[in-house]
Amino acid sequence: MTDHRDPTGARLDELLGAWRAEIDEVPVPSLVDPLRAVDVVIEAKLRRGRVHPPPDGARTRPPGDAREETV
């Protein structure tokens, strides 16, 4: 059986295959601990509806009606 593929396509396949093999050689650590992520989601569901102010006191809106304070 003869290979009738385009030589450029065959070279690209070879290059991408080698690149993938090189990437797969290096283990990638987990970015998120799955057990901790589940705990956070469960806790968020239990606390649904309760919104606490940010710890640094930042506000998303100025106090009062901002339209009245515009000059």
Protein backbone atom coordinates (compact mmCIF):
# COMPACT_ATOMS: atom_id res chain seq x y z
CA MET A 1 0.00 0.00 0.00
CA THR A 2 1.44 3.33 -1.04
CA ASP A 3 1.12 6.61 0.85
CA HIS A 4 -0.49 9.20 -1.43
CA ARG A 5 -0.64 11.95 1.17
CA ASP A 6 0.74 15.39 0.53
CA PRO A 7 4.37 15.46 1.81
CA THR A 8 3.70 18.79 3.54
CA GLY A 9 0.68 17.32 5.38
CA ALA A 10 2.70 14.26 6.37
CA ARG A 11 5.48 16.49 7.73
CA LEU A 12 2.94 18.59 9.64
CA ASP A 13 1.41 15.43 11.16
CA GLU A 14 4.89 14.28 12.18
CA LEU A 15 5.73 17.68 13.69
CA LEU A 16 2.47 17.96 15.64
CA GLY A 17 2.79 14.36 16.84
CA ALA A 18 6.30 15.02 18.13
CA TRP A 19 5.11 18.23 19.80
CA ARG A 20 2.25 16.41 21.54
CA ALA A 21 4.60 13.64 22.73
CA GLU A 22 6.95 16.28 24.14
CA ILE A 23 4.08 18.01 25.97
CA ASP A 24 2.74 14.70 27.34
CA GLU A 25 6.17 13.87 28.82
CA VAL A 26 5.93 16.66 31.40
CA PRO A 27 3.33 16.06 34.12
CA VAL A 28 1.07 19.00 34.89
CA PRO A 29 0.04 19.37 38.52
CA SER A 30 -3.62 19.89 39.35
CA LEU A 31 -4.55 23.54 39.53
CA VAL A 32 -7.42 22.88 41.92
CA ASP A 33 -7.75 20.29 44.63
CA PRO A 34 -10.98 18.46 43.66
CA LEU A 35 -11.99 17.73 47.27
CA ARG A 36 -11.52 21.37 48.29
CA ALA A 37 -13.50 22.51 45.23
CA VAL A 38 -16.42 20.27 46.19
CA ASP A 39 -16.34 21.64 49.74
CA VAL A 40 -16.41 25.23 48.45
CA VAL A 41 -19.37 24.53 46.15
CA ILE A 42 -21.34 22.79 48.92
CA GLU A 43 -20.64 25.65 51.33
CA ALA A 44 -21.71 28.22 48.71
CA LYS A 45 -24.99 26.37 48.14
CA LEU A 46 -25.68 26.29 51.88
CA ARG A 47 -25.02 30.01 52.22
CA ARG A 48 -26.97 30.99 49.10
CA GLY A 49 -28.72 34.31 49.54
CA ARG A 50 -26.36 35.69 52.16
CA VAL A 51 -24.07 38.34 50.71
CA HIS A 52 -21.37 39.71 52.95
CA PRO A 53 -19.56 43.01 52.36
CA PRO A 54 -15.97 42.74 51.11
CA PRO A 55 -13.41 42.62 53.95
CA ASP A 56 -11.60 45.75 52.76
CA GLY A 57 -14.76 47.91 52.95
CA ALA A 58 -14.84 48.49 49.19
CA ARG A 59 -18.22 49.47 47.82
CA THR A 60 -19.60 48.93 44.35
CA ARG A 61 -21.90 51.98 44.62
CA PRO A 62 -21.53 55.24 46.49
CA PRO A 63 -23.77 55.63 49.53
CA GLY A 64 -27.13 57.25 48.83
CA ASP A 65 -28.43 58.09 45.39
CA ALA A 66 -25.47 58.93 43.14
CA ARG A 67 -27.71 60.87 40.72
CA GLU A 68 -28.49 63.49 43.37
CA GLU A 69 -24.82 64.08 44.07
CA THR A 70 -23.88 64.82 40.45
CA VAL A 71 -22.98 68.42 39.73
